[in-house]
Amino acid sequence: MGVGSDREFIVKGRVFSGLGEGRKFASLKWFRRKIMEMLGFEPYPGTLNLLLTGEVSSTLSELFGKFLGYEIYPEDGYLPGRVYRVLILPDIPGAIVRPCIPNYPKNVVEVIAPIQLREALGLKDGDEVKVKILFE
């Protein structure tokens, strides 16, 4: 996939089941409040995990370094992270959450949205999803 402009990048990823850590994090009151303040929606308490291809994940990693997104300063002893506004194509608003964890996989993105994406889009593990990242 490629950049639509110098501030947009569309990625395709395959849905996979995670360990449930995203669900715990997205359920935290302080996180939900911060997402509402920054992005204007209350996230569903869970994430949609996407596995990217090597080429796309390398390019995306470079873009994450160039565009800082929104910084999340944690409470309750969690590590900080960054949030990037997205559209889950064709038109569902959401965000990618990138925790600042040493050795966090470059080929994984965790997507939050105001709705349960698996249910709303009828997704199962292995399905492909396109996400437009809106770098601000």
C-alpha atoms as a PDB file:
ATOM      1  CA  MET A   1       0.000   0.000   0.000  1.00  0.00           C
ATOM      2  CA  GLY A   2       1.155   3.537  -0.273  1.00  0.00           C
ATOM      3  CA  VAL A   3       0.928   7.082   0.848  1.00  0.00           C
ATOM      4  CA  GLY A   4      -2.139   8.966  -0.415  1.00  0.00           C
ATOM      5  CA  SER A   5      -0.491  12.277   0.404  1.00  0.00           C
ATOM      6  CA  ASP A   6       2.379  13.263   2.635  1.00  0.00           C
ATOM      7  CA  ARG A   7      -0.015  13.008   5.603  1.00  0.00           C
ATOM      8  CA  GLU A   8      -1.948   9.809   4.778  1.00  0.00           C
ATOM      9  CA  PHE A   9      -0.876   6.209   4.516  1.00  0.00           C
ATOM     10  CA  ILE A  10      -3.103   3.223   3.762  1.00  0.00           C
ATOM     11  CA  VAL A  11      -2.128  -0.144   5.177  1.00  0.00           C
ATOM     12  CA  LYS A  12      -3.608  -3.599   4.801  1.00  0.00           C
ATOM     13  CA  GLY A  13      -3.352  -6.025   7.645  1.00  0.00           C
ATOM     14  CA  ARG A  14      -4.668  -9.441   8.599  1.00  0.00           C
ATOM     15  CA  VAL A  15      -6.821  -9.761  11.698  1.00  0.00           C
ATOM     16  CA  PHE A  16      -5.419 -11.937  14.470  1.00  0.00           C
ATOM     17  CA  SER A  17      -6.353 -12.663  18.062  1.00  0.00           C
ATOM     18  CA  GLY A  18      -4.102 -11.119  20.666  1.00  0.00           C
ATOM     19  CA  LEU A  19      -3.509 -11.900  24.319  1.00  0.00           C
ATOM     20  CA  GLY A  20      -6.219  -9.572  25.631  1.00  0.00           C
ATOM     21  CA  GLU A  21      -3.802  -6.868  26.796  1.00  0.00           C
ATOM     22  CA  GLY A  22      -5.361  -4.328  24.412  1.00  0.00           C
ATOM     23  CA  ARG A  23      -8.777  -5.028  25.910  1.00  0.00           C
ATOM     24  CA  LYS A  24      -7.469  -4.320  29.416  1.00  0.00           C
ATOM     25  CA  PHE A  25      -5.772  -1.106  28.328  1.00  0.00           C
ATOM     26  CA  ALA A  26      -8.718   0.177  26.238  1.00  0.00           C
ATOM     27  CA  SER A  27     -11.020  -0.437  29.230  1.00  0.00           C
ATOM     28  CA  LEU A  28      -9.105   1.868  31.573  1.00  0.00           C
ATOM     29  CA  LYS A  29     -11.121   4.949  32.531  1.00  0.00           C
ATOM     30  CA  TRP A  30      -8.208   7.364  32.167  1.00  0.00           C
ATOM     31  CA  PHE A  31      -7.360   5.997  28.685  1.00  0.00           C
ATOM     32  CA  ARG A  32     -10.978   6.234  27.524  1.00  0.00           C
ATOM     33  CA  ARG A  33     -11.191   9.811  28.844  1.00  0.00           C
ATOM     34  CA  LYS A  34      -7.969  10.829  27.067  1.00  0.00           C
ATOM     35  CA  ILE A  35      -9.112   9.340  23.743  1.00  0.00           C
ATOM     36  CA  MET A  36     -12.391  11.256  24.044  1.00  0.00           C
ATOM     37  CA  GLU A  37     -10.487  14.490  24.740  1.00  0.00           C
ATOM     38  CA  MET A  38      -7.956  13.988  21.922  1.00  0.00           C
ATOM     39  CA  LEU A  39      -9.987  12.279  19.205  1.00  0.00           C
ATOM     40  CA  GLY A  40     -13.631  12.906  20.093  1.00  0.00           C
ATOM     41  CA  PHE A  41     -14.849   9.341  20.594  1.00  0.00           C
ATOM     42  CA  GLU A  42     -15.084   6.881  23.441  1.00  0.00           C
ATOM     43  CA  PRO A  43     -13.278   3.699  22.409  1.00  0.00           C
ATOM     44  CA  TYR A  44     -14.892   0.288  22.554  1.00  0.00           C
ATOM     45  CA  PRO A  45     -13.072  -1.622  25.333  1.00  0.00           C
ATOM     46  CA  GLY A  46     -10.852  -3.710  23.077  1.00  0.00           C
ATOM     47  CA  THR A  47      -8.501  -3.487  20.114  1.00  0.00           C
ATOM     48  CA  LEU A  48      -8.483  -4.995  16.649  1.00  0.00           C
ATOM     49  CA  ASN A  49      -5.055  -6.534  16.084  1.00  0.00           C
ATOM     50  CA  LEU A  50      -3.647  -6.386  12.563  1.00  0.00           C
ATOM     51  CA  LEU A  51      -0.548  -8.159  11.274  1.00  0.00           C
ATOM     52  CA  LEU A  52       1.242  -6.202   8.522  1.00  0.00           C
ATOM     53  CA  THR A  53       3.655  -7.377   5.838  1.00  0.00           C
ATOM     54  CA  GLY A  54       7.366  -6.698   6.301  1.00  0.00           C
ATOM     55  CA  GLU A  55       7.623  -4.026   3.614  1.00  0.00           C
ATOM     56  CA  VAL A  56       4.616  -2.081   4.893  1.00  0.00           C
ATOM     57  CA  SER A  57       5.668  -2.397   8.531  1.00  0.00           C
ATOM     58  CA  SER A  58       9.128  -0.942   7.783  1.00  0.00           C
ATOM     59  CA  THR A  59       7.640   2.070   5.971  1.00  0.00           C
ATOM     60  CA  LEU A  60       5.056   2.565   8.695  1.00  0.00           C
ATOM     61  CA  SER A  61       7.733   2.417  11.376  1.00  0.00           C
ATOM     62  CA  GLU A  62       9.569   5.254   9.604  1.00  0.00           C
ATOM     63  CA  LEU A  63       6.352   7.301   9.407  1.00  0.00           C
ATOM     64  CA  PHE A  64       5.636   6.724  13.108  1.00  0.00           C
ATOM     65  CA  GLY A  65       9.093   8.167  13.779  1.00  0.00           C
ATOM     66  CA  LYS A  66       8.432  11.199  11.567  1.00  0.00           C
ATOM     67  CA  PHE A  67       4.891  11.998  12.748  1.00  0.00           C
ATOM     68  CA  LEU A  68       4.457  11.893  16.493  1.00  0.00           C
ATOM     69  CA  GLY A  69       0.679  11.598  16.689  1.00  0.00           C
ATOM     70  CA  TYR A  70      -0.888  12.187  20.088  1.00  0.00           C
ATOM     71  CA  GLU A  71       1.102  11.273  23.159  1.00  0.00           C
ATOM     72  CA  ILE A  72      -0.553   9.243  25.896  1.00  0.00           C
ATOM     73  CA  TYR A  73       0.804   9.899  29.369  1.00  0.00           C
ATOM     74  CA  PRO A  74      -0.356   6.994  31.471  1.00  0.00           C
ATOM     75  CA  GLU A  75      -1.751   6.661  34.918  1.00  0.00           C
ATOM     76  CA  ASP A  76      -1.752   3.533  37.082  1.00  0.00           C
ATOM     77  CA  GLY A  77       1.856   2.544  36.310  1.00  0.00           C
ATOM     78  CA  TYR A  78       1.406   1.861  32.563  1.00  0.00           C
ATOM     79  CA  LEU A  79       4.018   2.783  29.957  1.00  0.00           C
ATOM     80  CA  PRO A  80       3.434   5.787  27.678  1.00  0.00           C
ATOM     81  CA  GLY A  81       2.319   5.451  24.093  1.00  0.00           C
ATOM     82  CA  ARG A  82       1.212   7.292  20.990  1.00  0.00           C
ATOM     83  CA  VAL A  83      -2.101   7.378  19.201  1.00  0.00           C
ATOM     84  CA  TYR A  84      -2.602   8.029  15.481  1.00  0.00           C
ATOM     85  CA  ARG A  85      -5.986   8.979  13.994  1.00  0.00           C
ATOM     86  CA  VAL A  86      -7.268   6.520  11.346  1.00  0.00           C
ATOM     87  CA  LEU A  87     -10.224   5.630   9.196  1.00  0.00           C
ATOM     88  CA  ILE A  88     -11.041   1.952   9.089  1.00  0.00           C
ATOM     89  CA  LEU A  89     -12.041   1.856   5.441  1.00  0.00           C
ATOM     90  CA  PRO A  90     -14.366   2.856   4.114  1.00  0.00           C
ATOM     91  CA  ASP A  91     -15.437   5.307   6.856  1.00  0.00           C
ATOM     92  CA  ILE A  92     -15.213   4.195  10.502  1.00  0.00           C
ATOM     93  CA  PRO A  93     -13.231   6.624  12.684  1.00  0.00           C
ATOM     94  CA  GLY A  94     -10.632   5.153  14.967  1.00  0.00           C
ATOM     95  CA  ALA A  95      -7.003   5.221  16.010  1.00  0.00           C
ATOM     96  CA  ILE A  96      -3.884   3.107  16.125  1.00  0.00           C
ATOM     97  CA  VAL A  97      -2.400   2.746  19.587  1.00  0.00           C
ATOM     98  CA  ARG A  98       1.394   2.303  19.694  1.00  0.00           C
ATOM     99  CA  PRO A  99       2.627   1.496  23.188  1.00  0.00           C
ATOM    100  CA  CYS A 100       6.170   2.634  23.941  1.00  0.00           C
ATOM    101  CA  ILE A 101       7.305  -0.842  24.870  1.00  0.00           C
ATOM    102  CA  PRO A 102      10.853  -2.023  24.135  1.00  0.00           C
ATOM    103  CA  ASN A 103      10.852  -4.481  21.207  1.00  0.00           C
ATOM    104  CA  TYR A 104       7.148  -3.922  20.415  1.00  0.00           C
ATOM    105  CA  PRO A 105       6.653  -5.691  17.041  1.00  0.00           C
ATOM    106  CA  LYS A 106       6.839  -3.364  14.023  1.00  0.00           C
ATOM    107  CA  ASN A 107       4.469  -5.605  12.071  1.00  0.00           C
ATOM    108  CA  VAL A 108       1.569  -5.308  14.549  1.00  0.00           C
ATOM    109  CA  VAL A 109      -0.923  -2.464  14.887  1.00  0.00           C
ATOM    110  CA  GLU A 110      -3.701  -2.239  17.450  1.00  0.00           C
ATOM    111  CA  VAL A 111      -6.778  -0.358  16.278  1.00  0.00           C
ATOM    112  CA  ILE A 112      -9.391   1.207  18.536  1.00  0.00           C
ATOM    113  CA  ALA A 113     -12.777   2.546  17.449  1.00  0.00           C
ATOM    114  CA  PRO A 114     -16.069   3.631  19.018  1.00  0.00           C
ATOM    115  CA  ILE A 115     -17.579   0.281  17.984  1.00  0.00           C
ATOM    116  CA  GLN A 116     -16.659  -3.396  18.224  1.00  0.00           C
ATOM    117  CA  LEU A 117     -14.951  -3.740  14.830  1.00  0.00           C
ATOM    118  CA  ARG A 118     -14.963  -7.543  14.569  1.00  0.00           C
ATOM    119  CA  GLU A 119     -18.719  -7.641  15.052  1.00  0.00           C
ATOM    120  CA  ALA A 120     -19.577  -4.543  12.993  1.00  0.00           C
ATOM    121  CA  LEU A 121     -17.489  -5.669  10.006  1.00  0.00           C
ATOM    122  CA  GLY A 122     -18.048  -9.414  10.415  1.00  0.00           C
ATOM    123  CA  LEU A 123     -14.316 -10.070  10.832  1.00  0.00           C
ATOM    124  CA  LYS A 124     -12.544 -13.242  11.838  1.00  0.00           C
ATOM    125  CA  ASP A 125      -8.869 -14.141  12.164  1.00  0.00           C
ATOM    126  CA  GLY A 126      -7.125 -14.003   8.783  1.00  0.00           C
ATOM    127  CA  ASP A 127      -9.498 -11.433   7.233  1.00  0.00           C
ATOM    128  CA  GLU A 128      -7.880  -8.440   5.573  1.00  0.00           C
ATOM    129  CA  VAL A 129      -8.645  -4.895   6.744  1.00  0.00           C
ATOM    130  CA  LYS A 130      -7.583  -1.580   5.194  1.00  0.00           C
ATOM    131  CA  VAL A 131      -6.801   1.348   7.456  1.00  0.00           C
ATOM    132  CA  LYS A 132      -6.025   4.914   6.359  1.00  0.00           C
ATOM    133  CA  ILE A 133      -3.672   6.553   8.841  1.00  0.00           C
ATOM    134  CA  LEU A 134      -4.123  10.329   9.044  1.00  0.00           C
ATOM    135  CA  PHE A 135      -0.832  11.781  10.234  1.00  0.00           C
ATOM    136  CA  GLU A 136      -1.376  15.123  11.950  1.00  0.00           C
END
